[in-house]
Amino acid sequence: MVGKMGLLLMVALLAPGCVTAQSASSDDRRWINQCLRDNRDARVSQRVVHAYCSCMNDRMSNNETRSITQWERANPRAREACERRSGWR
């Protein structure tokens, strides 16, 4: 039986064009995992959510202190671009 973390790792490795477990810093992984938790009730696949969260994380400054969920509210154009890129819509 694959646990949630195993499933998230598999999704990360299979999702094209997103941050993978090998290339992400521990800070990136922390923000992306928080975004995944914030969007756990989304009505899209976990692959789409992971692609979205990775896209948003990539657009944020490395010095950003807000979570992805907080940052997306202040940056609607980045949110819309990542929604399109991830296939959310």
PDB file of N, CA and C in Angstrom:
ATOM      1  N   MET A   1       0.842  -1.186   0.000  1.00  0.00           N
ATOM      2  CA  MET A   1       0.000   0.000   0.000  1.00  0.00           C
ATOM      3  C   MET A   1       0.885   1.247   0.000  1.00  0.00           C
ATOM      4  N   VAL A   2       0.616   2.143  -0.915  1.00  0.00           N
ATOM      5  CA  VAL A   2       1.392   3.373  -1.028  1.00  0.00           C
ATOM      6  C   VAL A   2       0.748   4.443  -0.161  1.00  0.00           C
ATOM      7  N   GLY A   3       1.535   5.023   0.731  1.00  0.00           N
ATOM      8  CA  GLY A   3       1.025   6.089   1.585  1.00  0.00           C
ATOM      9  C   GLY A   3       0.926   7.385   0.817  1.00  0.00           C
ATOM     10  N   LYS A   4       0.387   8.397   1.475  1.00  0.00           N
ATOM     11  CA  LYS A   4       0.217   9.702   0.831  1.00  0.00           C
ATOM     12  C   LYS A   4       1.551  10.287   0.372  1.00  0.00           C
ATOM     13  N   MET A   5       2.570  10.166   1.197  1.00  0.00           N
ATOM     14  CA  MET A   5       3.866  10.735   0.811  1.00  0.00           C
ATOM     15  C   MET A   5       4.429   9.990  -0.399  1.00  0.00           C
ATOM     16  N   GLY A   6       4.261   8.676  -0.438  1.00  0.00           N
ATOM     17  CA  GLY A   6       4.711   7.906  -1.591  1.00  0.00           C
ATOM     18  C   GLY A   6       3.973   8.324  -2.846  1.00  0.00           C
ATOM     19  N   LEU A   7       2.672   8.525  -2.710  1.00  0.00           N
ATOM     20  CA  LEU A   7       1.870   8.962  -3.842  1.00  0.00           C
ATOM     21  C   LEU A   7       2.305  10.340  -4.315  1.00  0.00           C
ATOM     22  N   LEU A   8       2.554  11.245  -3.383  1.00  0.00           N
ATOM     23  CA  LEU A   8       3.014  12.587  -3.750  1.00  0.00           C
ATOM     24  C   LEU A   8       4.363  12.524  -4.460  1.00  0.00           C
ATOM     25  N   LEU A   9       5.251  11.649  -4.000  1.00  0.00           N
ATOM     26  CA  LEU A   9       6.543  11.510  -4.641  1.00  0.00           C
ATOM     27  C   LEU A   9       6.384  10.977  -6.058  1.00  0.00           C
ATOM     28  N   MET A  10       5.516   9.978  -6.238  1.00  0.00           N
ATOM     29  CA  MET A  10       5.271   9.432  -7.572  1.00  0.00           C
ATOM     30  C   MET A  10       4.722  10.511  -8.491  1.00  0.00           C
ATOM     31  N   VAL A  11       3.781  11.305  -7.999  1.00  0.00           N
ATOM     32  CA  VAL A  11       3.205  12.384  -8.799  1.00  0.00           C
ATOM     33  C   VAL A  11       4.290  13.383  -9.174  1.00  0.00           C
ATOM     34  N   ALA A  12       5.151  13.707  -8.225  1.00  0.00           N
ATOM     35  CA  ALA A  12       6.219  14.669  -8.484  1.00  0.00           C
ATOM     36  C   ALA A  12       7.165  14.171  -9.568  1.00  0.00           C
ATOM     37  N   LEU A  13       7.440  12.903  -9.559  1.00  0.00           N
ATOM     38  CA  LEU A  13       8.367  12.348 -10.535  1.00  0.00           C
ATOM     39  C   LEU A  13       7.752  12.197 -11.916  1.00  0.00           C
ATOM     40  N   LEU A  14       6.436  12.035 -11.976  1.00  0.00           N
ATOM     41  CA  LEU A  14       5.764  11.812 -13.243  1.00  0.00           C
ATOM     42  C   LEU A  14       5.239  13.079 -13.895  1.00  0.00           C
ATOM     43  N   ALA A  15       5.041  14.129 -13.133  1.00  0.00           N
ATOM     44  CA  ALA A  15       4.467  15.367 -13.669  1.00  0.00           C
ATOM     45  C   ALA A  15       5.517  16.102 -14.502  1.00  0.00           C
ATOM     46  N   PRO A  16       5.246  16.302 -15.781  1.00  0.00           N
ATOM     47  CA  PRO A  16       6.222  16.964 -16.646  1.00  0.00           C
ATOM     48  C   PRO A  16       6.345  18.447 -16.333  1.00  0.00           C
ATOM     49  N   GLY A  17       7.559  18.946 -16.452  1.00  0.00           N
ATOM     50  CA  GLY A  17       7.786  20.382 -16.340  1.00  0.00           C
ATOM     51  C   GLY A  17       7.601  20.956 -14.954  1.00  0.00           C
ATOM     52  N   CYS A  18       7.683  20.130 -13.937  1.00  0.00           N
ATOM     53  CA  CYS A  18       7.530  20.673 -12.595  1.00  0.00           C
ATOM     54  C   CYS A  18       8.733  20.289 -11.750  1.00  0.00           C
ATOM     55  N   VAL A  19       8.799  20.843 -10.586  1.00  0.00           N
ATOM     56  CA  VAL A  19       9.898  20.573  -9.675  1.00  0.00           C
ATOM     57  C   VAL A  19       9.813  19.127  -9.225  1.00  0.00           C
ATOM     58  N   THR A  20      10.928  18.412  -9.302  1.00  0.00           N
ATOM     59  CA  THR A  20      10.946  17.031  -8.840  1.00  0.00           C
ATOM     60  C   THR A  20      11.611  16.957  -7.479  1.00  0.00           C
ATOM     61  N   ALA A  21      11.477  15.816  -6.860  1.00  0.00           N
ATOM     62  CA  ALA A  21      12.057  15.623  -5.537  1.00  0.00           C
ATOM     63  C   ALA A  21      13.570  15.834  -5.568  1.00  0.00           C
ATOM     64  N   GLN A  22      14.228  15.475  -6.684  1.00  0.00           N
ATOM     65  CA  GLN A  22      15.668  15.618  -6.769  1.00  0.00           C
ATOM     66  C   GLN A  22      16.095  17.074  -6.944  1.00  0.00           C
ATOM     67  N   SER A  23      15.326  17.868  -7.681  1.00  0.00           N
ATOM     68  CA  SER A  23      15.756  19.227  -7.994  1.00  0.00           C
ATOM     69  C   SER A  23      15.217  20.275  -7.015  1.00  0.00           C
ATOM     70  N   ALA A  24      14.242  19.940  -6.231  1.00  0.00           N
ATOM     71  CA  ALA A  24      13.637  20.907  -5.327  1.00  0.00           C
ATOM     72  C   ALA A  24      14.454  21.024  -4.045  1.00  0.00           C
ATOM     73  N   SER A  25      14.588  22.236  -3.580  1.00  0.00           N
ATOM     74  CA  SER A  25      15.226  22.427  -2.278  1.00  0.00           C
ATOM     75  C   SER A  25      14.236  21.994  -1.205  1.00  0.00           C
ATOM     76  N   SER A  26      14.721  21.833  -0.005  1.00  0.00           N
ATOM     77  CA  SER A  26      13.812  21.453   1.081  1.00  0.00           C
ATOM     78  C   SER A  26      12.766  22.545   1.304  1.00  0.00           C
ATOM     79  N   ASP A  27      13.156  23.799   1.083  1.00  0.00           N
ATOM     80  CA  ASP A  27      12.210  24.909   1.216  1.00  0.00           C
ATOM     81  C   ASP A  27      11.124  24.818   0.144  1.00  0.00           C
ATOM     82  N   ASP A  28      11.524  24.534  -1.108  1.00  0.00           N
ATOM     83  CA  ASP A  28      10.549  24.364  -2.191  1.00  0.00           C
ATOM     84  C   ASP A  28       9.583  23.236  -1.859  1.00  0.00           C
ATOM     85  N   ARG A  29      10.122  22.102  -1.430  1.00  0.00           N
ATOM     86  CA  ARG A  29       9.261  20.964  -1.101  1.00  0.00           C
ATOM     87  C   ARG A  29       8.284  21.317   0.018  1.00  0.00           C
ATOM     88  N   ARG A  30       8.738  22.065   1.003  1.00  0.00           N
ATOM     89  CA  ARG A  30       7.864  22.466   2.115  1.00  0.00           C
ATOM     90  C   ARG A  30       6.713  23.329   1.605  1.00  0.00           C
ATOM     91  N   TRP A  31       7.013  24.315   0.757  1.00  0.00           N
ATOM     92  CA  TRP A  31       5.968  25.192   0.218  1.00  0.00           C
ATOM     93  C   TRP A  31       5.018  24.422  -0.688  1.00  0.00           C
ATOM     94  N   ILE A  32       5.565  23.564  -1.539  1.00  0.00           N
ATOM     95  CA  ILE A  32       4.725  22.783  -2.447  1.00  0.00           C
ATOM     96  C   ILE A  32       3.828  21.839  -1.662  1.00  0.00           C
ATOM     97  N   ASN A  33       4.379  21.181  -0.644  1.00  0.00           N
ATOM     98  CA  ASN A  33       3.562  20.277   0.175  1.00  0.00           C
ATOM     99  C   ASN A  33       2.456  21.028   0.901  1.00  0.00           C
ATOM    100  N   GLN A  34       2.751  22.247   1.370  1.00  0.00           N
ATOM    101  CA  GLN A  34       1.706  23.052   2.014  1.00  0.00           C
ATOM    102  C   GLN A  34       0.620  23.401   1.004  1.00  0.00           C
ATOM    103  N   CYS A  35       1.015  23.755  -0.197  1.00  0.00           N
ATOM    104  CA  CYS A  35       0.049  24.069  -1.256  1.00  0.00           C
ATOM    105  C   CYS A  35      -0.812  22.843  -1.573  1.00  0.00           C
ATOM    106  N   LEU A  36      -0.198  21.672  -1.628  1.00  0.00           N
ATOM    107  CA  LEU A  36      -0.963  20.433  -1.864  1.00  0.00           C
ATOM    108  C   LEU A  36      -1.991  20.219  -0.758  1.00  0.00           C
ATOM    109  N   ARG A  37      -1.578  20.446   0.492  1.00  0.00           N
ATOM    110  CA  ARG A  37      -2.529  20.309   1.610  1.00  0.00           C
ATOM    111  C   ARG A  37      -3.644  21.359   1.507  1.00  0.00           C
ATOM    112  N   ASP A  38      -3.283  22.586   1.143  1.00  0.00           N
ATOM    113  CA  ASP A  38      -4.282  23.657   1.019  1.00  0.00           C
ATOM    114  C   ASP A  38      -5.304  23.355  -0.074  1.00  0.00           C
ATOM    115  N   ASN A  39      -4.897  22.572  -1.065  1.00  0.00           N
ATOM    116  CA  ASN A  39      -5.768  22.271  -2.204  1.00  0.00           C
ATOM    117  C   ASN A  39      -6.235  20.821  -2.229  1.00  0.00           C
ATOM    118  N   ARG A  40      -6.204  20.158  -1.089  1.00  0.00           N
ATOM    119  CA  ARG A  40      -6.555  18.730  -1.046  1.00  0.00           C
ATOM    120  C   ARG A  40      -8.000  18.459  -1.444  1.00  0.00           C
ATOM    121  N   ASP A  41      -8.877  19.434  -1.318  1.00  0.00           N
ATOM    122  CA  ASP A  41     -10.279  19.245  -1.680  1.00  0.00           C
ATOM    123  C   ASP A  41     -10.599  19.734  -3.094  1.00  0.00           C
ATOM    124  N   ALA A  42      -9.573  20.091  -3.841  1.00  0.00           N
ATOM    125  CA  ALA A  42      -9.789  20.574  -5.215  1.00  0.00           C
ATOM    126  C   ALA A  42     -10.433  19.475  -6.047  1.00  0.00           C
ATOM    127  N   ARG A  43     -11.212  19.883  -6.987  1.00  0.00           N
ATOM    128  CA  ARG A  43     -11.921  18.922  -7.834  1.00  0.00           C
ATOM    129  C   ARG A  43     -11.159  18.645  -9.128  1.00  0.00           C
ATOM    130  N   VAL A  44      -9.847  18.524  -8.979  1.00  0.00           N
ATOM    131  CA  VAL A  44      -8.965  18.156 -10.084  1.00  0.00           C
ATOM    132  C   VAL A  44      -8.003  17.094  -9.555  1.00  0.00           C
ATOM    133  N   SER A  45      -7.302  16.430 -10.460  1.00  0.00           N
ATOM    134  CA  SER A  45      -6.385  15.362 -10.049  1.00  0.00           C
ATOM    135  C   SER A  45      -5.217  15.919  -9.242  1.00  0.00           C
ATOM    136  N   GLN A  46      -4.619  15.062  -8.443  1.00  0.00           N
ATOM    137  CA  GLN A  46      -3.444  15.452  -7.670  1.00  0.00           C
ATOM    138  C   GLN A  46      -2.287  15.836  -8.593  1.00  0.00           C
ATOM    139  N   ARG A  47      -2.205  15.236  -9.776  1.00  0.00           N
ATOM    140  CA  ARG A  47      -1.167  15.595 -10.742  1.00  0.00           C
ATOM    141  C   ARG A  47      -1.318  17.052 -11.153  1.00  0.00           C
ATOM    142  N   VAL A  48      -2.552  17.476 -11.399  1.00  0.00           N
ATOM    143  CA  VAL A  48      -2.817  18.861 -11.783  1.00  0.00           C
ATOM    144  C   VAL A  48      -2.487  19.796 -10.624  1.00  0.00           C
ATOM    145  N   VAL A  49      -2.894  19.427  -9.415  1.00  0.00           N
ATOM    146  CA  VAL A  49      -2.608  20.264  -8.244  1.00  0.00           C
ATOM    147  C   VAL A  49      -1.098  20.391  -8.050  1.00  0.00           C
ATOM    148  N   HIS A  50      -0.379  19.292  -8.194  1.00  0.00           N
ATOM    149  CA  HIS A  50       1.076  19.347  -8.020  1.00  0.00           C
ATOM    150  C   HIS A  50       1.718  20.224  -9.091  1.00  0.00           C
ATOM    151  N   ALA A  51       1.275  20.090 -10.328  1.00  0.00           N
ATOM    152  CA  ALA A  51       1.816  20.928 -11.407  1.00  0.00           C
ATOM    153  C   ALA A  51       1.538  22.402 -11.117  1.00  0.00           C
ATOM    154  N   TYR A  52       0.329  22.701 -10.628  1.00  0.00           N
ATOM    155  CA  TYR A  52      -0.042  24.082 -10.284  1.00  0.00           C
ATOM    156  C   TYR A  52       0.843  24.610  -9.154  1.00  0.00           C
ATOM    157  N   CYS A  53       0.971  23.838  -8.096  1.00  0.00           N
ATOM    158  CA  CYS A  53       1.763  24.279  -6.940  1.00  0.00           C
ATOM    159  C   CYS A  53       3.223  24.474  -7.319  1.00  0.00           C
ATOM    160  N   SER A  54       3.760  23.596  -8.152  1.00  0.00           N
ATOM    161  CA  SER A  54       5.145  23.719  -8.592  1.00  0.00           C
ATOM    162  C   SER A  54       5.320  24.965  -9.450  1.00  0.00           C
ATOM    163  N   CYS A  55       4.373  25.219 -10.334  1.00  0.00           N
ATOM    164  CA  CYS A  55       4.412  26.408 -11.176  1.00  0.00           C
ATOM    165  C   CYS A  55       4.395  27.669 -10.310  1.00  0.00           C
ATOM    166  N   MET A  56       3.498  27.714  -9.362  1.00  0.00           N
ATOM    167  CA  MET A  56       3.408  28.891  -8.485  1.00  0.00           C
ATOM    168  C   MET A  56       4.703  29.062  -7.697  1.00  0.00           C
ATOM    169  N   ASN A  57       5.233  27.975  -7.189  1.00  0.00           N
ATOM    170  CA  ASN A  57       6.475  28.039  -6.428  1.00  0.00           C
ATOM    171  C   ASN A  57       7.612  28.582  -7.294  1.00  0.00           C
ATOM    172  N   ASP A  58       7.653  28.153  -8.549  1.00  0.00           N
ATOM    173  CA  ASP A  58       8.701  28.616  -9.461  1.00  0.00           C
ATOM    174  C   ASP A  58       8.606  30.110  -9.732  1.00  0.00           C
ATOM    175  N   ARG A  59       7.418  30.658  -9.683  1.00  0.00           N
ATOM    176  CA  ARG A  59       7.222  32.089  -9.965  1.00  0.00           C
ATOM    177  C   ARG A  59       7.523  32.974  -8.761  1.00  0.00           C
ATOM    178  N   MET A  60       7.557  32.381  -7.596  1.00  0.00           N
ATOM    179  CA  MET A  60       7.788  33.152  -6.376  1.00  0.00           C
ATOM    180  C   MET A  60       9.280  33.384  -6.154  1.00  0.00           C
ATOM    181  N   SER A  61       9.601  34.498  -5.534  1.00  0.00           N
ATOM    182  CA  SER A  61      10.982  34.803  -5.164  1.00  0.00           C
ATOM    183  C   SER A  61      11.452  33.814  -4.100  1.00  0.00           C
ATOM    184  N   ASN A  62      12.732  33.526  -4.099  1.00  0.00           N
ATOM    185  CA  ASN A  62      13.293  32.661  -3.062  1.00  0.00           C
ATOM    186  C   ASN A  62      13.239  33.307  -1.690  1.00  0.00           C
ATOM    187  N   ASN A  63      13.038  34.612  -1.654  1.00  0.00           N
ATOM    188  CA  ASN A  63      12.960  35.334  -0.383  1.00  0.00           C
ATOM    189  C   ASN A  63      11.531  35.503   0.116  1.00  0.00           C
ATOM    190  N   GLU A  64      10.571  34.970  -0.613  1.00  0.00           N
ATOM    191  CA  GLU A  64       9.149  35.116  -0.250  1.00  0.00           C
ATOM    192  C   GLU A  64       8.881  34.396   1.068  1.00  0.00           C
ATOM    193  N   THR A  65       8.117  35.057   1.930  1.00  0.00           N
ATOM    194  CA  THR A  65       7.785  34.457   3.228  1.00  0.00           C
ATOM    195  C   THR A  65       6.339  33.982   3.300  1.00  0.00           C
ATOM    196  N   ARG A  66       5.514  34.414   2.337  1.00  0.00           N
ATOM    197  CA  ARG A  66       4.120  33.971   2.316  1.00  0.00           C
ATOM    198  C   ARG A  66       4.025  32.580   1.698  1.00  0.00           C
ATOM    199  N   SER A  67       2.987  31.857   2.085  1.00  0.00           N
ATOM    200  CA  SER A  67       2.738  30.556   1.469  1.00  0.00           C
ATOM    201  C   SER A  67       2.279  30.779   0.031  1.00  0.00           C
ATOM    202  N   ILE A  68       2.291  29.721  -0.759  1.00  0.00           N
ATOM    203  CA  ILE A  68       1.802  29.812  -2.130  1.00  0.00           C
ATOM    204  C   ILE A  68       0.354  30.274  -2.139  1.00  0.00           C
ATOM    205  N   THR A  69      -0.440  29.732  -1.238  1.00  0.00           N
ATOM    206  CA  THR A  69      -1.856  30.098  -1.163  1.00  0.00           C
ATOM    207  C   THR A  69      -2.023  31.582  -0.859  1.00  0.00           C
ATOM    208  N   GLN A  70      -1.210  32.122   0.030  1.00  0.00           N
ATOM    209  CA  GLN A  70      -1.284  33.545   0.337  1.00  0.00           C
ATOM    210  C   GLN A  70      -0.778  34.374  -0.843  1.00  0.00           C
ATOM    211  N   TRP A  71       0.316  33.942  -1.454  1.00  0.00           N
ATOM    212  CA  TRP A  71       0.927  34.694  -2.548  1.00  0.00           C
ATOM    213  C   TRP A  71       0.031  34.735  -3.773  1.00  0.00           C
ATOM    214  N   GLU A  72      -0.678  33.652  -4.050  1.00  0.00           N
ATOM    215  CA  GLU A  72      -1.512  33.611  -5.257  1.00  0.00           C
ATOM    216  C   GLU A  72      -2.635  34.642  -5.205  1.00  0.00           C
ATOM    217  N   ARG A  73      -3.115  34.955  -4.024  1.00  0.00           N
ATOM    218  CA  ARG A  73      -4.186  35.957  -3.885  1.00  0.00           C
ATOM    219  C   ARG A  73      -3.716  37.342  -4.300  1.00  0.00           C
ATOM    220  N   ALA A  74      -2.451  37.629  -4.065  1.00  0.00           N
ATOM    221  CA  ALA A  74      -1.896  38.941  -4.413  1.00  0.00           C
ATOM    222  C   ALA A  74      -1.346  38.971  -5.839  1.00  0.00           C
ATOM    223  N   ASN A  75      -1.326  37.821  -6.511  1.00  0.00           N
ATOM    224  CA  ASN A  75      -0.743  37.719  -7.848  1.00  0.00           C
ATOM    225  C   ASN A  75      -1.669  36.946  -8.779  1.00  0.00           C
ATOM    226  N   PRO A  76      -2.822  37.529  -9.102  1.00  0.00           N
ATOM    227  CA  PRO A  76      -3.814  36.801  -9.893  1.00  0.00           C
ATOM    228  C   PRO A  76      -3.332  36.412 -11.294  1.00  0.00           C
ATOM    229  N   ARG A  77      -2.464  37.212 -11.900  1.00  0.00           N
ATOM    230  CA  ARG A  77      -1.968  36.851 -13.245  1.00  0.00           C
ATOM    231  C   ARG A  77      -1.098  35.604 -13.189  1.00  0.00           C
ATOM    232  N   ALA A  78      -0.257  35.510 -12.182  1.00  0.00           N
ATOM    233  CA  ALA A  78       0.568  34.304 -12.018  1.00  0.00           C
ATOM    234  C   ALA A  78      -0.329  33.104 -11.744  1.00  0.00           C
ATOM    235  N   ARG A  79      -1.356  33.295 -10.919  1.00  0.00           N
ATOM    236  CA  ARG A  79      -2.294  32.208 -10.612  1.00  0.00           C
ATOM    237  C   ARG A  79      -2.975  31.718 -11.888  1.00  0.00           C
ATOM    238  N   GLU A  80      -3.461  32.654 -12.694  1.00  0.00           N
ATOM    239  CA  GLU A  80      -4.149  32.281 -13.935  1.00  0.00           C
ATOM    240  C   GLU A  80      -3.205  31.570 -14.899  1.00  0.00           C
ATOM    241  N   ALA A  81      -1.963  32.053 -15.004  1.00  0.00           N
ATOM    242  CA  ALA A  81      -0.989  31.407 -15.896  1.00  0.00           C
ATOM    243  C   ALA A  81      -0.694  29.984 -15.428  1.00  0.00           C
ATOM    244  N   CYS A  82      -0.553  29.801 -14.133  1.00  0.00           N
ATOM    245  CA  CYS A  82      -0.265  28.461 -13.609  1.00  0.00           C
ATOM    246  C   CYS A  82      -1.481  27.549 -13.716  1.00  0.00           C
ATOM    247  N   GLU A  83      -2.670  28.093 -13.593  1.00  0.00           N
ATOM    248  CA  GLU A  83      -3.875  27.287 -13.802  1.00  0.00           C
ATOM    249  C   GLU A  83      -3.902  26.750 -15.236  1.00  0.00           C
ATOM    250  N   ARG A  84      -3.593  27.620 -16.194  1.00  0.00           N
ATOM    251  CA  ARG A  84      -3.575  27.185 -17.603  1.00  0.00           C
ATOM    252  C   ARG A  84      -2.465  26.157 -17.833  1.00  0.00           C
ATOM    253  N   ARG A  85      -1.291  26.456 -17.334  1.00  0.00           N
ATOM    254  CA  ARG A  85      -0.143  25.563 -17.552  1.00  0.00           C
ATOM    255  C   ARG A  85      -0.368  24.181 -16.940  1.00  0.00           C
ATOM    256  N   SER A  86      -1.016  24.134 -15.796  1.00  0.00           N
ATOM    257  CA  SER A  86      -1.210  22.854 -15.111  1.00  0.00           C
ATOM    258  C   SER A  86      -2.412  22.084 -15.626  1.00  0.00           C
ATOM    259  N   GLY A  87      -3.282  22.770 -16.384  1.00  0.00           N
ATOM    260  CA  GLY A  87      -4.503  22.118 -16.857  1.00  0.00           C
ATOM    261  C   GLY A  87      -5.627  22.166 -15.849  1.00  0.00           C
ATOM    262  N   TRP A  88      -5.544  23.100 -14.904  1.00  0.00           N
ATOM    263  CA  TRP A  88      -6.573  23.199 -13.850  1.00  0.00           C
ATOM    264  C   TRP A  88      -7.927  23.508 -14.449  1.00  0.00           C
ATOM    265  N   ARG A  89      -7.968  24.341 -15.466  1.00  0.00           N
ATOM    266  CA  ARG A  89      -9.250  24.740 -16.058  1.00  0.00           C
ATOM    267  C   ARG A  89      -9.580  23.930 -17.269  1.00  0.00           C
TER     268      ARG A  89
END
